[in-house]
Amino acid sequence: MEPLGSSSARAQGKKITINASTLSFAVMVTIFLVAVVFAANQNDVIGWLVVVISLGWLLLSAFLVLGLKRGAAKMSTQLKAATAAAATRGQGGPSTSPVVMDEATRNRDLKLDHSFKIIQVQVGVVNEYRAQGGEDAKGMVDRALETIEITASNARDMMKPSGRGEPMTGEVID
């Protein structure tokens, strides 16, 4: 018993396709020859008109059969080339294939994204309170800068550990 899609099954399918197209082409040739024989025996205008019509159908059939065979062969060649190119890409060729991320990488990327959002918020706080004067505004700017420093340090450690072993600590103000 052979698995589905085996080479002999494909060869049988191709043989059926070739036989069907050959059979249809043979039927058209037979119709044309019969029309020619009847038109020659009767020597009538209607008979020759039938010959011309059957010749048109024969030519159309030949064009379609040969065109489809050529198109199928060309598509087969392109498919084989694309499959070979994809196989070489998958076996260490240029890394244009999509990157599959594992769960740890995804979580790290989410944490980094959150860190960058915190930094953006704190930059907004610094810009808002920098224009104001007074001790309260200076305290808010200092706390925002400290939050930015802590968040940036932790984010860098997520990307490339610095060897400290644990994240920086401090009071984070959102």
N, C-alpha and C. Protein backbone atom coordinates (compact mmCIF):
# COMPACT_ATOMS: atom_id res chain seq x y z
N MET A 1 0.83 -1.16 0.00
CA MET A 1 0.00 0.00 0.00
C MET A 1 0.89 1.24 0.00
N GLU A 2 0.58 2.19 -0.86
CA GLU A 2 1.40 3.39 -0.97
C GLU A 2 0.69 4.57 -0.33
N PRO A 3 1.46 5.51 0.27
CA PRO A 3 0.83 6.68 0.87
C PRO A 3 0.25 7.59 -0.20
N LEU A 4 -0.69 8.41 0.24
CA LEU A 4 -1.27 9.38 -0.69
C LEU A 4 -0.19 10.32 -1.20
N GLY A 5 -0.28 10.69 -2.44
CA GLY A 5 0.69 11.62 -3.01
C GLY A 5 2.00 10.97 -3.40
N SER A 6 2.02 9.65 -3.47
CA SER A 6 3.27 8.99 -3.86
C SER A 6 3.52 9.23 -5.34
N SER A 7 4.73 8.91 -5.77
CA SER A 7 5.11 9.20 -7.15
C SER A 7 4.29 8.40 -8.15
N SER A 8 3.97 7.14 -7.83
CA SER A 8 3.19 6.35 -8.78
C SER A 8 1.76 6.88 -8.87
N ALA A 9 1.21 7.39 -7.75
CA ALA A 9 -0.13 7.97 -7.80
C ALA A 9 -0.12 9.23 -8.65
N ARG A 10 0.93 10.04 -8.51
CA ARG A 10 1.04 11.24 -9.34
C ARG A 10 1.21 10.88 -10.80
N ALA A 11 1.98 9.84 -11.07
CA ALA A 11 2.18 9.42 -12.46
C ALA A 11 0.87 8.91 -13.05
N GLN A 12 0.08 8.18 -12.28
CA GLN A 12 -1.20 7.72 -12.77
C GLN A 12 -2.12 8.90 -13.04
N GLY A 13 -2.14 9.89 -12.17
CA GLY A 13 -2.97 11.07 -12.38
C GLY A 13 -2.55 11.82 -13.63
N LYS A 14 -1.27 11.93 -13.87
CA LYS A 14 -0.76 12.60 -15.06
C LYS A 14 -1.14 11.81 -16.31
N LYS A 15 -1.07 10.49 -16.21
CA LYS A 15 -1.41 9.65 -17.35
C LYS A 15 -2.88 9.81 -17.71
N ILE A 16 -3.75 9.91 -16.71
CA ILE A 16 -5.17 10.09 -16.96
C ILE A 16 -5.40 11.44 -17.63
N THR A 17 -4.71 12.47 -17.19
CA THR A 17 -4.85 13.79 -17.77
C THR A 17 -4.39 13.78 -19.23
N ILE A 18 -3.27 13.16 -19.49
CA ILE A 18 -2.78 13.09 -20.87
C ILE A 18 -3.74 12.28 -21.72
N ASN A 19 -4.24 11.16 -21.22
CA ASN A 19 -5.18 10.35 -21.98
C ASN A 19 -6.47 11.09 -22.25
N ALA A 20 -6.99 11.86 -21.29
CA ALA A 20 -8.22 12.61 -21.48
C ALA A 20 -8.02 13.68 -22.54
N SER A 21 -6.91 14.39 -22.50
CA SER A 21 -6.68 15.42 -23.51
C SER A 21 -6.43 14.80 -24.88
N THR A 22 -5.73 13.70 -24.91
CA THR A 22 -5.50 13.01 -26.18
C THR A 22 -6.81 12.47 -26.73
N LEU A 23 -7.65 11.94 -25.87
CA LEU A 23 -8.95 11.42 -26.30
C LEU A 23 -9.83 12.54 -26.85
N SER A 24 -9.88 13.67 -26.17
CA SER A 24 -10.71 14.78 -26.67
C SER A 24 -10.17 15.31 -28.00
N PHE A 25 -8.87 15.37 -28.12
CA PHE A 25 -8.27 15.82 -29.38
C PHE A 25 -8.58 14.81 -30.49
N ALA A 26 -8.53 13.51 -30.20
CA ALA A 26 -8.84 12.48 -31.19
C ALA A 26 -10.30 12.56 -31.62
N VAL A 27 -11.20 12.86 -30.68
CA VAL A 27 -12.62 13.01 -31.04
C VAL A 27 -12.79 14.19 -31.98
N MET A 28 -12.13 15.30 -31.73
CA MET A 28 -12.25 16.47 -32.61
C MET A 28 -11.70 16.17 -34.01
N VAL A 29 -10.60 15.44 -34.09
CA VAL A 29 -10.04 15.07 -35.39
C VAL A 29 -11.02 14.16 -36.13
N THR A 30 -11.63 13.21 -35.41
CA THR A 30 -12.59 12.30 -36.03
C THR A 30 -13.80 13.07 -36.56
N ILE A 31 -14.32 14.00 -35.77
CA ILE A 31 -15.46 14.81 -36.22
C ILE A 31 -15.08 15.59 -37.47
N PHE A 32 -13.89 16.16 -37.49
CA PHE A 32 -13.46 16.92 -38.67
C PHE A 32 -13.37 16.02 -39.90
N LEU A 33 -12.77 14.83 -39.74
CA LEU A 33 -12.63 13.92 -40.89
C LEU A 33 -13.99 13.45 -41.39
N VAL A 34 -14.90 13.15 -40.48
CA VAL A 34 -16.25 12.73 -40.90
C VAL A 34 -16.93 13.85 -41.65
N ALA A 35 -16.79 15.09 -41.16
CA ALA A 35 -17.40 16.24 -41.83
C ALA A 35 -16.81 16.42 -43.22
N VAL A 36 -15.50 16.23 -43.36
CA VAL A 36 -14.86 16.36 -44.68
C VAL A 36 -15.38 15.28 -45.63
N VAL A 37 -15.50 14.03 -45.16
CA VAL A 37 -15.97 12.94 -46.01
C VAL A 37 -17.39 13.18 -46.47
N PHE A 38 -18.27 13.56 -45.53
CA PHE A 38 -19.66 13.83 -45.92
C PHE A 38 -19.76 15.02 -46.86
N ALA A 39 -18.96 16.07 -46.62
CA ALA A 39 -19.01 17.25 -47.48
C ALA A 39 -18.50 16.90 -48.88
N ALA A 40 -17.47 16.06 -48.98
CA ALA A 40 -16.93 15.68 -50.28
C ALA A 40 -17.91 14.79 -51.03
N ASN A 41 -18.60 13.90 -50.33
CA ASN A 41 -19.58 13.02 -51.00
C ASN A 41 -20.79 13.79 -51.49
N GLN A 42 -21.29 14.73 -50.71
CA GLN A 42 -22.50 15.44 -51.08
C GLN A 42 -22.21 16.68 -51.90
N ASN A 43 -21.01 17.22 -51.78
CA ASN A 43 -20.60 18.42 -52.51
C ASN A 43 -21.63 19.53 -52.36
N ASP A 44 -21.97 19.78 -51.10
CA ASP A 44 -22.99 20.75 -50.78
C ASP A 44 -22.37 21.87 -49.95
N VAL A 45 -22.93 23.07 -50.07
CA VAL A 45 -22.40 24.23 -49.35
C VAL A 45 -22.55 24.04 -47.83
N ILE A 46 -23.65 23.49 -47.41
CA ILE A 46 -23.88 23.28 -45.98
C ILE A 46 -22.84 22.29 -45.44
N GLY A 47 -22.50 21.26 -46.18
CA GLY A 47 -21.50 20.29 -45.75
C GLY A 47 -20.14 20.94 -45.54
N TRP A 48 -19.76 21.81 -46.50
CA TRP A 48 -18.47 22.49 -46.37
C TRP A 48 -18.50 23.52 -45.23
N LEU A 49 -19.66 24.09 -44.97
CA LEU A 49 -19.79 24.99 -43.84
C LEU A 49 -19.57 24.22 -42.52
N VAL A 50 -20.12 23.01 -42.45
CA VAL A 50 -19.91 22.16 -41.28
C VAL A 50 -18.42 21.81 -41.15
N VAL A 51 -17.74 21.59 -42.27
CA VAL A 51 -16.30 21.29 -42.25
C VAL A 51 -15.52 22.48 -41.67
N VAL A 52 -15.87 23.67 -42.11
CA VAL A 52 -15.17 24.87 -41.62
C VAL A 52 -15.41 25.05 -40.12
N ILE A 53 -16.65 24.83 -39.69
CA ILE A 53 -16.95 24.95 -38.26
C ILE A 53 -16.20 23.89 -37.46
N SER A 54 -16.19 22.66 -37.93
CA SER A 54 -15.48 21.61 -37.20
C SER A 54 -13.97 21.84 -37.23
N LEU A 55 -13.45 22.43 -38.30
CA LEU A 55 -12.02 22.79 -38.34
C LEU A 55 -11.72 23.86 -37.29
N GLY A 56 -12.60 24.83 -37.14
CA GLY A 56 -12.43 25.87 -36.11
C GLY A 56 -12.40 25.26 -34.71
N TRP A 57 -13.33 24.33 -34.47
CA TRP A 57 -13.34 23.67 -33.16
C TRP A 57 -12.09 22.82 -32.96
N LEU A 58 -11.62 22.19 -34.03
CA LEU A 58 -10.40 21.38 -33.93
C LEU A 58 -9.19 22.26 -33.60
N LEU A 59 -9.08 23.40 -34.26
CA LEU A 59 -7.97 24.32 -33.99
C LEU A 59 -8.06 24.88 -32.58
N LEU A 60 -9.27 25.23 -32.14
CA LEU A 60 -9.45 25.72 -30.78
C LEU A 60 -9.06 24.65 -29.76
N SER A 61 -9.47 23.42 -30.02
CA SER A 61 -9.12 22.31 -29.13
C SER A 61 -7.61 22.10 -29.08
N ALA A 62 -6.96 22.15 -30.25
CA ALA A 62 -5.51 21.97 -30.29
C ALA A 62 -4.80 23.09 -29.53
N PHE A 63 -5.28 24.32 -29.73
CA PHE A 63 -4.68 25.46 -29.04
C PHE A 63 -4.81 25.30 -27.52
N LEU A 64 -5.99 24.91 -27.06
CA LEU A 64 -6.20 24.75 -25.63
C LEU A 64 -5.38 23.61 -25.04
N VAL A 65 -5.37 22.47 -25.72
CA VAL A 65 -4.64 21.31 -25.19
C VAL A 65 -3.15 21.62 -25.13
N LEU A 66 -2.60 22.14 -26.20
CA LEU A 66 -1.16 22.42 -26.22
C LEU A 66 -0.81 23.58 -25.28
N GLY A 67 -1.66 24.60 -25.23
CA GLY A 67 -1.41 25.74 -24.33
C GLY A 67 -1.46 25.33 -22.88
N LEU A 68 -2.43 24.51 -22.52
CA LEU A 68 -2.53 24.06 -21.14
C LEU A 68 -1.35 23.17 -20.76
N LYS A 69 -0.92 22.31 -21.68
CA LYS A 69 0.24 21.46 -21.38
C LYS A 69 1.50 22.31 -21.17
N ARG A 70 1.69 23.31 -22.04
CA ARG A 70 2.85 24.19 -21.90
C ARG A 70 2.78 25.00 -20.61
N GLY A 71 1.60 25.52 -20.29
CA GLY A 71 1.42 26.28 -19.05
C GLY A 71 1.65 25.43 -17.82
N ALA A 72 1.16 24.20 -17.85
CA ALA A 72 1.36 23.29 -16.71
C ALA A 72 2.84 22.96 -16.55
N ALA A 73 3.54 22.75 -17.66
CA ALA A 73 4.97 22.46 -17.57
C ALA A 73 5.75 23.67 -17.01
N LYS A 74 5.37 24.87 -17.45
CA LYS A 74 6.04 26.08 -16.97
C LYS A 74 5.77 26.29 -15.47
N MET A 75 4.52 26.08 -15.05
CA MET A 75 4.19 26.21 -13.63
C MET A 75 4.92 25.18 -12.79
N SER A 76 5.06 23.98 -13.31
CA SER A 76 5.78 22.93 -12.61
C SER A 76 7.24 23.32 -12.42
N THR A 77 7.84 23.88 -13.45
CA THR A 77 9.23 24.33 -13.37
C THR A 77 9.38 25.45 -12.33
N GLN A 78 8.46 26.42 -12.35
CA GLN A 78 8.53 27.51 -11.38
C GLN A 78 8.31 27.01 -9.96
N LEU A 79 7.40 26.07 -9.79
CA LEU A 79 7.15 25.52 -8.47
C LEU A 79 8.37 24.78 -7.94
N LYS A 80 9.04 24.01 -8.81
CA LYS A 80 10.25 23.31 -8.39
C LYS A 80 11.35 24.30 -8.00
N ALA A 81 11.49 25.38 -8.78
CA ALA A 81 12.50 26.40 -8.47
C ALA A 81 12.19 27.09 -7.15
N ALA A 82 10.92 27.41 -6.91
CA ALA A 82 10.54 28.07 -5.66
C ALA A 82 10.74 27.14 -4.47
N THR A 83 10.42 25.87 -4.65
CA THR A 83 10.62 24.89 -3.58
C THR A 83 12.10 24.73 -3.27
N ALA A 84 12.93 24.68 -4.31
CA ALA A 84 14.38 24.56 -4.09
C ALA A 84 14.92 25.81 -3.39
N ALA A 85 14.44 26.99 -3.77
CA ALA A 85 14.89 28.22 -3.13
C ALA A 85 14.46 28.26 -1.66
N ALA A 86 13.24 27.82 -1.39
CA ALA A 86 12.77 27.81 0.00
C ALA A 86 13.55 26.79 0.82
N ALA A 87 13.91 25.68 0.23
CA ALA A 87 14.68 24.66 0.95
C ALA A 87 16.07 25.17 1.30
N THR A 88 16.72 25.89 0.38
CA THR A 88 18.05 26.42 0.68
C THR A 88 17.97 27.52 1.72
N ARG A 89 16.90 28.31 1.71
CA ARG A 89 16.74 29.35 2.72
C ARG A 89 16.57 28.73 4.09
N GLY A 90 15.85 27.62 4.15
CA GLY A 90 15.61 26.96 5.43
C GLY A 90 16.81 26.20 5.96
N GLN A 91 17.80 25.93 5.12
CA GLN A 91 18.96 25.14 5.53
C GLN A 91 20.19 25.99 5.76
N GLY A 92 20.01 27.21 6.18
CA GLY A 92 21.18 28.02 6.53
C GLY A 92 21.52 29.05 5.49
N GLY A 93 20.65 29.28 4.55
CA GLY A 93 20.87 30.33 3.57
C GLY A 93 20.63 31.67 4.24
N PRO A 94 20.35 32.70 3.47
CA PRO A 94 20.06 34.00 4.06
C PRO A 94 18.84 33.91 4.96
N SER A 95 18.88 34.60 6.08
CA SER A 95 17.82 34.46 7.06
C SER A 95 16.67 35.40 6.75
N THR A 96 15.98 35.15 5.65
CA THR A 96 14.81 35.94 5.31
C THR A 96 13.54 35.26 5.76
N SER A 97 13.65 34.08 6.36
CA SER A 97 12.46 33.40 6.84
C SER A 97 12.00 34.07 8.13
N PRO A 98 10.69 33.99 8.40
CA PRO A 98 10.19 34.66 9.60
C PRO A 98 10.78 34.06 10.87
N VAL A 99 11.00 34.90 11.87
CA VAL A 99 11.60 34.47 13.12
C VAL A 99 10.49 33.97 14.03
N VAL A 100 10.69 32.78 14.58
CA VAL A 100 9.73 32.22 15.52
C VAL A 100 10.20 32.58 16.92
N MET A 101 9.35 33.31 17.66
CA MET A 101 9.74 33.76 18.99
C MET A 101 9.20 32.78 20.03
N ASP A 102 10.03 32.46 21.00
CA ASP A 102 9.56 31.62 22.09
C ASP A 102 8.89 32.50 23.14
N GLU A 103 8.32 31.89 24.15
CA GLU A 103 7.56 32.61 25.16
C GLU A 103 8.44 33.55 25.97
N ALA A 104 9.67 33.14 26.30
CA ALA A 104 10.57 34.00 27.09
C ALA A 104 10.93 35.27 26.31
N THR A 105 11.19 35.13 25.02
CA THR A 105 11.53 36.30 24.20
C THR A 105 10.33 37.24 24.11
N ARG A 106 9.16 36.67 23.97
CA ARG A 106 7.94 37.49 23.89
C ARG A 106 7.74 38.25 25.19
N ASN A 107 7.90 37.57 26.33
CA ASN A 107 7.73 38.24 27.62
C ASN A 107 8.76 39.34 27.82
N ARG A 108 10.00 39.08 27.43
CA ARG A 108 11.05 40.09 27.55
C ARG A 108 10.71 41.31 26.70
N ASP A 109 10.22 41.07 25.48
CA ASP A 109 9.86 42.18 24.61
C ASP A 109 8.70 43.00 25.19
N LEU A 110 7.75 42.32 25.82
CA LEU A 110 6.65 43.05 26.45
C LEU A 110 7.15 43.90 27.62
N LYS A 111 8.09 43.35 28.40
CA LYS A 111 8.65 44.11 29.53
C LYS A 111 9.44 45.31 29.03
N LEU A 112 10.19 45.11 27.96
CA LEU A 112 10.95 46.23 27.39
C LEU A 112 10.00 47.31 26.86
N ASP A 113 8.94 46.90 26.23
CA ASP A 113 7.96 47.84 25.72
C ASP A 113 7.36 48.65 26.87
N HIS A 114 7.04 47.97 27.95
CA HIS A 114 6.50 48.66 29.12
C HIS A 114 7.52 49.64 29.70
N SER A 115 8.78 49.23 29.73
CA SER A 115 9.82 50.13 30.25
C SER A 115 9.93 51.39 29.40
N PHE A 116 9.86 51.23 28.10
CA PHE A 116 9.95 52.41 27.23
C PHE A 116 8.73 53.32 27.39
N LYS A 117 7.58 52.73 27.63
CA LYS A 117 6.39 53.55 27.88
C LYS A 117 6.54 54.34 29.18
N ILE A 118 7.09 53.70 30.22
CA ILE A 118 7.33 54.41 31.48
C ILE A 118 8.27 55.59 31.26
N ILE A 119 9.31 55.36 30.49
CA ILE A 119 10.27 56.44 30.21
C ILE A 119 9.59 57.58 29.47
N GLN A 120 8.73 57.25 28.50
CA GLN A 120 8.03 58.30 27.76
C GLN A 120 7.12 59.11 28.68
N VAL A 121 6.42 58.44 29.59
CA VAL A 121 5.55 59.15 30.53
C VAL A 121 6.38 60.07 31.42
N GLN A 122 7.51 59.58 31.92
CA GLN A 122 8.33 60.38 32.82
C GLN A 122 8.97 61.57 32.09
N VAL A 123 9.30 61.41 30.83
CA VAL A 123 9.80 62.54 30.05
C VAL A 123 8.72 63.61 29.95
N GLY A 124 7.46 63.18 29.78
CA GLY A 124 6.36 64.14 29.77
C GLY A 124 6.24 64.87 31.10
N VAL A 125 6.45 64.14 32.22
CA VAL A 125 6.40 64.76 33.55
C VAL A 125 7.52 65.79 33.69
N VAL A 126 8.73 65.42 33.25
CA VAL A 126 9.86 66.35 33.32
C VAL A 126 9.56 67.61 32.52
N ASN A 127 9.05 67.45 31.31
CA ASN A 127 8.75 68.62 30.48
C ASN A 127 7.66 69.49 31.09
N GLU A 128 6.70 68.87 31.74
CA GLU A 128 5.60 69.63 32.34
C GLU A 128 6.08 70.44 33.55
N TYR A 129 6.86 69.82 34.43
CA TYR A 129 7.28 70.50 35.66
C TYR A 129 8.54 71.34 35.50
N ARG A 130 9.28 71.14 34.44
CA ARG A 130 10.50 71.93 34.21
C ARG A 130 10.15 73.40 33.98
N ALA A 131 9.04 73.63 33.31
CA ALA A 131 8.65 75.01 33.01
C ALA A 131 8.15 75.74 34.27
N GLN A 132 7.68 74.97 35.25
CA GLN A 132 7.19 75.58 36.49
C GLN A 132 8.38 75.85 37.43
N GLY A 133 8.20 76.76 38.28
CA GLY A 133 9.23 77.06 39.26
C GLY A 133 8.82 76.55 40.63
N GLY A 134 9.72 76.49 41.53
CA GLY A 134 9.38 76.12 42.91
C GLY A 134 9.99 74.80 43.31
N GLU A 135 9.94 74.57 44.61
CA GLU A 135 10.55 73.37 45.19
C GLU A 135 9.75 72.12 44.85
N ASP A 136 8.41 72.20 44.78
CA ASP A 136 7.59 71.04 44.43
C ASP A 136 7.88 70.55 43.01
N ALA A 137 8.00 71.49 42.09
CA ALA A 137 8.28 71.14 40.70
C ALA A 137 9.67 70.52 40.58
N LYS A 138 10.64 71.06 41.33
CA LYS A 138 12.00 70.50 41.29
C LYS A 138 12.00 69.08 41.85
N GLY A 139 11.22 68.82 42.89
CA GLY A 139 11.11 67.48 43.46
C GLY A 139 10.49 66.49 42.48
N MET A 140 9.45 66.92 41.75
CA MET A 140 8.81 66.05 40.75
C MET A 140 9.77 65.72 39.61
N VAL A 141 10.54 66.72 39.18
CA VAL A 141 11.51 66.49 38.10
C VAL A 141 12.58 65.52 38.57
N ASP A 142 13.05 65.67 39.79
CA ASP A 142 14.08 64.77 40.33
C ASP A 142 13.56 63.34 40.41
N ARG A 143 12.32 63.17 40.90
CA ARG A 143 11.75 61.82 41.00
C ARG A 143 11.54 61.21 39.61
N ALA A 144 11.11 62.03 38.65
CA ALA A 144 10.91 61.51 37.29
C ALA A 144 12.24 61.09 36.67
N LEU A 145 13.29 61.88 36.90
CA LEU A 145 14.60 61.52 36.37
C LEU A 145 15.12 60.24 37.02
N GLU A 146 14.88 60.09 38.33
CA GLU A 146 15.29 58.87 39.02
C GLU A 146 14.53 57.66 38.46
N THR A 147 13.23 57.82 38.19
CA THR A 147 12.43 56.74 37.60
C THR A 147 12.95 56.37 36.22
N ILE A 148 13.30 57.37 35.44
CA ILE A 148 13.86 57.11 34.10
C ILE A 148 15.16 56.33 34.22
N GLU A 149 16.02 56.74 35.16
CA GLU A 149 17.30 56.05 35.34
C GLU A 149 17.09 54.59 35.74
N ILE A 150 16.21 54.35 36.70
CA ILE A 150 15.95 52.98 37.15
C ILE A 150 15.36 52.13 36.02
N THR A 151 14.38 52.68 35.33
CA THR A 151 13.70 51.94 34.26
C THR A 151 14.67 51.64 33.12
N ALA A 152 15.50 52.62 32.75
CA ALA A 152 16.45 52.40 31.65
C ALA A 152 17.48 51.35 32.04
N SER A 153 17.94 51.39 33.29
CA SER A 153 18.92 50.40 33.75
C SER A 153 18.33 48.99 33.74
N ASN A 154 17.09 48.86 34.23
CA ASN A 154 16.43 47.54 34.22
C ASN A 154 16.20 47.04 32.79
N ALA A 155 15.82 47.94 31.92
CA ALA A 155 15.58 47.55 30.52
C ALA A 155 16.88 47.09 29.86
N ARG A 156 17.96 47.80 30.13
CA ARG A 156 19.25 47.38 29.57
C ARG A 156 19.66 46.03 30.11
N ASP A 157 19.40 45.77 31.39
CA ASP A 157 19.73 44.46 31.98
C ASP A 157 18.89 43.34 31.37
N MET A 158 17.67 43.66 30.95
CA MET A 158 16.85 42.65 30.28
C MET A 158 17.44 42.28 28.92
N MET A 159 18.02 43.28 28.27
CA MET A 159 18.61 43.03 26.96
C MET A 159 19.97 42.36 27.08
N LYS A 160 20.81 42.86 27.99
CA LYS A 160 22.14 42.31 28.18
C LYS A 160 22.50 42.47 29.64
N PRO A 161 22.49 41.37 30.41
CA PRO A 161 22.76 41.48 31.85
C PRO A 161 24.13 42.09 32.11
N SER A 162 24.18 42.97 33.12
CA SER A 162 25.44 43.66 33.44
C SER A 162 26.26 42.92 34.48
N GLY A 163 25.72 41.82 35.00
CA GLY A 163 26.47 41.06 35.97
C GLY A 163 26.12 41.41 37.40
N ARG A 164 25.21 42.37 37.61
CA ARG A 164 24.83 42.74 38.97
C ARG A 164 23.98 41.65 39.61
N GLY A 165 23.22 40.92 38.80
CA GLY A 165 22.43 39.82 39.33
C GLY A 165 21.00 40.19 39.66
N GLU A 166 20.72 41.39 40.11
CA GLU A 166 19.34 41.76 40.40
C GLU A 166 19.08 43.18 39.88
N PRO A 167 17.81 43.44 39.61
CA PRO A 167 17.49 44.76 39.07
C PRO A 167 17.72 45.88 40.08
N MET A 168 17.87 47.07 39.55
CA MET A 168 18.02 48.24 40.38
C MET A 168 16.73 48.50 41.15
N THR A 169 16.84 49.00 42.34
CA THR A 169 15.64 49.26 43.16
C THR A 169 15.51 50.73 43.42
N GLY A 170 14.32 51.11 43.79
CA GLY A 170 14.06 52.50 44.11
C GLY A 170 12.57 52.73 44.03
N GLU A 171 12.17 53.95 44.28
CA GLU A 171 10.76 54.29 44.25
C GLU A 171 10.40 54.73 42.83
N VAL A 172 9.45 53.99 42.21
CA VAL A 172 9.00 54.31 40.87
C VAL A 172 7.69 55.07 40.96
N ILE A 173 7.66 56.24 40.35
CA ILE A 173 6.45 57.06 40.40
C ILE A 173 5.89 57.15 38.99
N ASP A 174 4.65 56.70 38.85
CA ASP A 174 3.97 56.78 37.55
C ASP A 174 3.13 58.02 37.46
